[in-house]
Amino acid sequence: VTESGLQYRVIKSGDGKSPKPTDQVTTHYHGKLIDGNVFDSSVNRGTPATFPVNGVIQGWQEALPMMKEGDKWELFVPYRLAQSKDGAGAGIMPHATRTVEVELISVN
């Protein structure tokens, strides 16, 4: 557990480099709500996602720089680190905690 309340579990350890907040990363992820409903998944789409570290929710911005290429973590992201105080779209209710399995494929 980090100071902000982000919880994580290491599923697999990698040995590559860690991204900085200004880096682009390529990941595979599978995001669910506590009730098990999937809200987004690059794994289900079959295509990894590439994005800037500083362009995602705060929970990811905190976790990604702690990860190394090849790592796979499960994140437990409280609503205040997930920008879901008011909800996010039809599937994410207000104050929803998210769980996300994130595999850091590469730092670009």
N, C-alpha and C. Protein backbone atom coordinates (compact mmCIF):
# COMPACT_ATOMS: atom_id res chain seq x y z
N VAL A 1 0.85 -1.18 0.00
CA VAL A 1 0.00 0.00 0.00
C VAL A 1 0.90 1.24 0.00
N THR A 2 0.59 2.17 -0.89
CA THR A 2 1.36 3.41 -0.92
C THR A 2 0.73 4.44 0.01
N GLU A 3 1.42 5.54 0.21
CA GLU A 3 0.93 6.60 1.09
C GLU A 3 -0.41 7.16 0.63
N SER A 4 -0.64 7.17 -0.69
CA SER A 4 -1.88 7.73 -1.23
C SER A 4 -3.08 6.81 -1.08
N GLY A 5 -2.82 5.53 -0.76
CA GLY A 5 -3.90 4.56 -0.64
C GLY A 5 -3.97 3.58 -1.80
N LEU A 6 -3.12 3.75 -2.79
CA LEU A 6 -3.05 2.79 -3.90
C LEU A 6 -2.52 1.47 -3.35
N GLN A 7 -3.21 0.40 -3.68
CA GLN A 7 -2.74 -0.93 -3.29
C GLN A 7 -2.33 -1.66 -4.55
N TYR A 8 -1.29 -2.48 -4.44
CA TYR A 8 -0.87 -3.26 -5.60
C TYR A 8 -0.32 -4.60 -5.16
N ARG A 9 -0.39 -5.54 -6.08
CA ARG A 9 0.12 -6.89 -5.87
C ARG A 9 0.95 -7.24 -7.09
N VAL A 10 2.18 -7.68 -6.87
CA VAL A 10 3.05 -8.07 -7.97
C VAL A 10 2.69 -9.49 -8.39
N ILE A 11 2.29 -9.63 -9.64
CA ILE A 11 1.95 -10.93 -10.20
C ILE A 11 3.19 -11.55 -10.85
N LYS A 12 3.92 -10.72 -11.58
CA LYS A 12 5.13 -11.18 -12.27
C LYS A 12 6.14 -10.04 -12.25
N SER A 13 7.41 -10.35 -11.98
CA SER A 13 8.45 -9.33 -11.95
C SER A 13 9.23 -9.32 -13.25
N GLY A 14 9.45 -8.12 -13.77
CA GLY A 14 10.27 -7.93 -14.95
C GLY A 14 11.63 -7.40 -14.55
N ASP A 15 12.46 -7.15 -15.56
CA ASP A 15 13.79 -6.63 -15.26
C ASP A 15 14.21 -5.51 -16.20
N GLY A 16 13.24 -4.92 -16.88
CA GLY A 16 13.53 -3.83 -17.80
C GLY A 16 13.58 -2.49 -17.09
N LYS A 17 13.51 -1.44 -17.89
CA LYS A 17 13.58 -0.09 -17.31
C LYS A 17 12.21 0.37 -16.82
N SER A 18 12.25 1.36 -15.94
CA SER A 18 11.04 1.97 -15.40
C SER A 18 10.76 3.27 -16.13
N PRO A 19 9.49 3.57 -16.39
CA PRO A 19 9.17 4.81 -17.09
C PRO A 19 9.20 6.03 -16.17
N LYS A 20 9.45 7.17 -16.79
CA LYS A 20 9.32 8.46 -16.11
C LYS A 20 7.93 9.01 -16.45
N PRO A 21 7.43 9.97 -15.70
CA PRO A 21 6.10 10.51 -15.96
C PRO A 21 5.92 11.05 -17.39
N THR A 22 6.98 11.48 -18.02
CA THR A 22 6.87 12.04 -19.37
C THR A 22 7.05 11.01 -20.48
N ASP A 23 7.31 9.75 -20.12
CA ASP A 23 7.49 8.68 -21.12
C ASP A 23 6.16 8.17 -21.64
N GLN A 24 6.22 7.59 -22.82
CA GLN A 24 5.11 6.81 -23.37
C GLN A 24 5.36 5.36 -22.98
N VAL A 25 4.29 4.62 -22.69
CA VAL A 25 4.41 3.21 -22.36
C VAL A 25 3.43 2.40 -23.20
N THR A 26 3.78 1.15 -23.40
CA THR A 26 2.87 0.20 -24.03
C THR A 26 2.52 -0.84 -22.98
N THR A 27 1.22 -1.05 -22.77
CA THR A 27 0.75 -1.96 -21.74
C THR A 27 -0.35 -2.86 -22.27
N HIS A 28 -0.55 -3.94 -21.59
CA HIS A 28 -1.77 -4.73 -21.70
C HIS A 28 -2.44 -4.59 -20.35
N TYR A 29 -3.74 -4.38 -20.33
CA TYR A 29 -4.43 -4.20 -19.05
C TYR A 29 -5.83 -4.79 -19.13
N HIS A 30 -6.36 -5.08 -17.96
CA HIS A 30 -7.72 -5.61 -17.83
C HIS A 30 -8.33 -4.96 -16.61
N GLY A 31 -9.27 -4.03 -16.82
CA GLY A 31 -9.84 -3.26 -15.73
C GLY A 31 -11.23 -3.72 -15.34
N LYS A 32 -11.41 -3.91 -14.03
CA LYS A 32 -12.71 -4.34 -13.51
C LYS A 32 -13.11 -3.46 -12.33
N LEU A 33 -14.39 -3.47 -12.07
CA LEU A 33 -14.91 -2.87 -10.84
C LEU A 33 -14.90 -3.95 -9.77
N ILE A 34 -15.10 -3.56 -8.52
CA ILE A 34 -15.08 -4.50 -7.41
C ILE A 34 -16.10 -5.63 -7.62
N ASP A 35 -17.22 -5.33 -8.28
CA ASP A 35 -18.24 -6.36 -8.50
C ASP A 35 -17.88 -7.32 -9.63
N GLY A 36 -16.71 -7.11 -10.26
CA GLY A 36 -16.24 -8.02 -11.31
C GLY A 36 -16.57 -7.58 -12.73
N ASN A 37 -17.39 -6.55 -12.88
CA ASN A 37 -17.71 -6.08 -14.23
C ASN A 37 -16.50 -5.44 -14.88
N VAL A 38 -16.19 -5.87 -16.09
CA VAL A 38 -15.07 -5.32 -16.85
C VAL A 38 -15.50 -3.99 -17.45
N PHE A 39 -14.70 -2.93 -17.22
CA PHE A 39 -15.02 -1.63 -17.81
C PHE A 39 -14.12 -1.30 -18.98
N ASP A 40 -12.95 -1.92 -19.08
CA ASP A 40 -12.05 -1.68 -20.20
C ASP A 40 -10.97 -2.75 -20.18
N SER A 41 -10.56 -3.20 -21.36
CA SER A 41 -9.56 -4.26 -21.40
C SER A 41 -8.86 -4.30 -22.76
N SER A 42 -7.57 -3.97 -22.75
CA SER A 42 -6.79 -4.14 -23.98
C SER A 42 -6.60 -5.63 -24.25
N VAL A 43 -6.60 -6.43 -23.18
CA VAL A 43 -6.47 -7.88 -23.33
C VAL A 43 -7.64 -8.42 -24.14
N ASN A 44 -8.87 -8.01 -23.78
CA ASN A 44 -10.05 -8.47 -24.51
C ASN A 44 -10.05 -7.99 -25.95
N ARG A 45 -9.52 -6.79 -26.20
CA ARG A 45 -9.44 -6.27 -27.57
C ARG A 45 -8.33 -6.94 -28.37
N GLY A 46 -7.36 -7.54 -27.66
CA GLY A 46 -6.26 -8.22 -28.33
C GLY A 46 -5.18 -7.29 -28.85
N THR A 47 -5.19 -6.04 -28.38
CA THR A 47 -4.21 -5.06 -28.84
C THR A 47 -3.69 -4.27 -27.65
N PRO A 48 -2.36 -4.26 -27.42
CA PRO A 48 -1.82 -3.44 -26.34
C PRO A 48 -2.13 -1.96 -26.57
N ALA A 49 -2.12 -1.21 -25.49
CA ALA A 49 -2.40 0.23 -25.54
C ALA A 49 -1.12 1.01 -25.27
N THR A 50 -0.92 2.09 -26.03
CA THR A 50 0.22 2.98 -25.84
C THR A 50 -0.30 4.35 -25.46
N PHE A 51 0.29 4.94 -24.41
CA PHE A 51 -0.16 6.23 -23.92
C PHE A 51 0.94 6.86 -23.07
N PRO A 52 0.86 8.18 -22.82
CA PRO A 52 1.83 8.82 -21.93
C PRO A 52 1.48 8.51 -20.47
N VAL A 53 2.49 8.28 -19.66
CA VAL A 53 2.28 7.99 -18.24
C VAL A 53 1.49 9.11 -17.59
N ASN A 54 1.82 10.36 -17.92
CA ASN A 54 1.13 11.49 -17.29
C ASN A 54 -0.23 11.79 -17.92
N GLY A 55 -0.72 10.89 -18.78
CA GLY A 55 -2.01 11.09 -19.43
C GLY A 55 -3.09 10.14 -18.96
N VAL A 56 -2.83 9.38 -17.90
CA VAL A 56 -3.80 8.42 -17.40
C VAL A 56 -4.22 8.79 -15.98
N ILE A 57 -5.11 8.01 -15.40
CA ILE A 57 -5.59 8.32 -14.05
C ILE A 57 -4.45 8.32 -13.04
N GLN A 58 -4.65 9.02 -11.96
CA GLN A 58 -3.61 9.23 -10.96
C GLN A 58 -3.06 7.91 -10.41
N GLY A 59 -3.91 6.92 -10.19
CA GLY A 59 -3.44 5.64 -9.69
C GLY A 59 -2.41 4.99 -10.61
N TRP A 60 -2.66 5.08 -11.92
CA TRP A 60 -1.70 4.55 -12.89
C TRP A 60 -0.44 5.41 -12.91
N GLN A 61 -0.61 6.73 -12.82
CA GLN A 61 0.56 7.63 -12.82
C GLN A 61 1.48 7.32 -11.65
N GLU A 62 0.92 6.87 -10.55
CA GLU A 62 1.73 6.51 -9.39
C GLU A 62 2.37 5.13 -9.57
N ALA A 63 1.63 4.17 -10.09
CA ALA A 63 2.12 2.80 -10.19
C ALA A 63 3.14 2.60 -11.30
N LEU A 64 2.89 3.15 -12.48
CA LEU A 64 3.76 2.87 -13.62
C LEU A 64 5.24 3.18 -13.38
N PRO A 65 5.60 4.34 -12.78
CA PRO A 65 7.02 4.59 -12.53
C PRO A 65 7.67 3.64 -11.53
N MET A 66 6.86 2.93 -10.74
CA MET A 66 7.41 1.94 -9.81
C MET A 66 7.63 0.60 -10.50
N MET A 67 7.02 0.42 -11.68
CA MET A 67 7.10 -0.84 -12.40
C MET A 67 8.32 -0.87 -13.32
N LYS A 68 8.68 -2.06 -13.74
CA LYS A 68 9.74 -2.27 -14.72
C LYS A 68 9.14 -2.99 -15.92
N GLU A 69 9.74 -2.80 -17.08
CA GLU A 69 9.30 -3.54 -18.26
C GLU A 69 9.27 -5.03 -17.91
N GLY A 70 8.18 -5.67 -18.28
CA GLY A 70 8.01 -7.09 -17.98
C GLY A 70 7.21 -7.35 -16.72
N ASP A 71 7.02 -6.32 -15.88
CA ASP A 71 6.20 -6.46 -14.67
C ASP A 71 4.74 -6.64 -15.04
N LYS A 72 4.04 -7.40 -14.23
CA LYS A 72 2.58 -7.48 -14.29
C LYS A 72 2.09 -7.32 -12.87
N TRP A 73 1.28 -6.29 -12.63
CA TRP A 73 0.77 -5.98 -11.30
C TRP A 73 -0.75 -5.93 -11.34
N GLU A 74 -1.34 -6.19 -10.19
CA GLU A 74 -2.76 -5.93 -9.99
C GLU A 74 -2.86 -4.69 -9.11
N LEU A 75 -3.56 -3.69 -9.60
CA LEU A 75 -3.74 -2.43 -8.88
C LEU A 75 -5.14 -2.38 -8.30
N PHE A 76 -5.25 -1.88 -7.08
CA PHE A 76 -6.53 -1.60 -6.44
C PHE A 76 -6.58 -0.09 -6.29
N VAL A 77 -7.34 0.55 -7.16
CA VAL A 77 -7.31 2.00 -7.29
C VAL A 77 -8.56 2.61 -6.65
N PRO A 78 -8.42 3.27 -5.48
CA PRO A 78 -9.57 3.92 -4.88
C PRO A 78 -10.07 5.07 -5.75
N TYR A 79 -11.35 5.41 -5.60
CA TYR A 79 -11.97 6.39 -6.49
C TYR A 79 -11.20 7.71 -6.54
N ARG A 80 -10.61 8.14 -5.45
CA ARG A 80 -9.93 9.44 -5.45
C ARG A 80 -8.67 9.43 -6.31
N LEU A 81 -8.16 8.24 -6.63
CA LEU A 81 -7.01 8.11 -7.53
C LEU A 81 -7.44 7.66 -8.93
N ALA A 82 -8.76 7.54 -9.10
CA ALA A 82 -9.30 7.05 -10.37
C ALA A 82 -10.22 8.06 -11.04
N GLN A 83 -10.28 9.26 -10.51
CA GLN A 83 -11.12 10.31 -11.08
C GLN A 83 -12.55 9.83 -11.26
N SER A 84 -13.05 9.06 -10.28
CA SER A 84 -14.42 8.58 -10.40
C SER A 84 -15.32 9.04 -9.26
N LYS A 85 -15.01 10.23 -8.73
CA LYS A 85 -15.89 10.81 -7.70
C LYS A 85 -17.31 10.94 -8.24
N ASP A 86 -17.41 11.36 -9.49
CA ASP A 86 -18.72 11.54 -10.11
C ASP A 86 -19.06 10.42 -11.08
N GLY A 87 -18.25 9.37 -11.13
CA GLY A 87 -18.45 8.29 -12.08
C GLY A 87 -17.69 8.58 -13.37
N ALA A 88 -17.70 7.61 -14.24
CA ALA A 88 -17.00 7.76 -15.51
C ALA A 88 -17.71 6.92 -16.56
N GLY A 89 -18.57 7.55 -17.30
CA GLY A 89 -19.32 6.81 -18.31
C GLY A 89 -20.42 5.99 -17.68
N ALA A 90 -21.02 5.16 -18.49
CA ALA A 90 -22.18 4.39 -18.05
C ALA A 90 -21.81 3.27 -17.08
N GLY A 91 -20.57 2.75 -17.14
CA GLY A 91 -20.22 1.59 -16.36
C GLY A 91 -19.55 1.85 -15.03
N ILE A 92 -19.05 3.05 -14.79
CA ILE A 92 -18.32 3.32 -13.55
C ILE A 92 -19.13 4.29 -12.70
N MET A 93 -19.68 3.77 -11.63
CA MET A 93 -20.52 4.56 -10.74
C MET A 93 -19.65 5.50 -9.90
N PRO A 94 -20.25 6.55 -9.33
CA PRO A 94 -19.50 7.45 -8.44
C PRO A 94 -18.85 6.68 -7.29
N HIS A 95 -17.65 7.10 -6.94
CA HIS A 95 -16.89 6.54 -5.81
C HIS A 95 -16.52 5.07 -6.01
N ALA A 96 -16.39 4.65 -7.25
CA ALA A 96 -16.07 3.26 -7.54
C ALA A 96 -14.57 2.99 -7.45
N THR A 97 -14.23 1.94 -6.72
CA THR A 97 -12.85 1.44 -6.70
C THR A 97 -12.68 0.56 -7.93
N ARG A 98 -11.52 0.68 -8.56
CA ARG A 98 -11.23 -0.12 -9.75
C ARG A 98 -10.09 -1.09 -9.43
N THR A 99 -10.14 -2.24 -10.04
CA THR A 99 -9.00 -3.15 -10.00
C THR A 99 -8.52 -3.30 -11.44
N VAL A 100 -7.22 -3.24 -11.61
CA VAL A 100 -6.66 -3.32 -12.96
C VAL A 100 -5.42 -4.19 -12.94
N GLU A 101 -5.39 -5.21 -13.79
CA GLU A 101 -4.15 -5.94 -14.02
C GLU A 101 -3.42 -5.22 -15.13
N VAL A 102 -2.19 -4.80 -14.87
CA VAL A 102 -1.39 -4.04 -15.82
C VAL A 102 -0.10 -4.78 -16.08
N GLU A 103 0.18 -5.03 -17.35
CA GLU A 103 1.48 -5.58 -17.75
C GLU A 103 2.22 -4.50 -18.52
N LEU A 104 3.37 -4.09 -18.00
CA LEU A 104 4.19 -3.07 -18.66
C LEU A 104 5.05 -3.76 -19.71
N ILE A 105 4.65 -3.60 -20.97
CA ILE A 105 5.36 -4.27 -22.07
C ILE A 105 6.64 -3.52 -22.41
N SER A 106 6.51 -2.20 -22.59
CA SER A 106 7.71 -1.43 -22.96
C SER A 106 7.56 0.04 -22.59
N VAL A 107 8.73 0.66 -22.39
CA VAL A 107 8.83 2.11 -22.22
C VAL A 107 9.33 2.62 -23.56
N ASN A 108 8.57 3.49 -24.19
CA ASN A 108 8.89 3.93 -25.55
C ASN A 108 9.62 5.26 -25.56
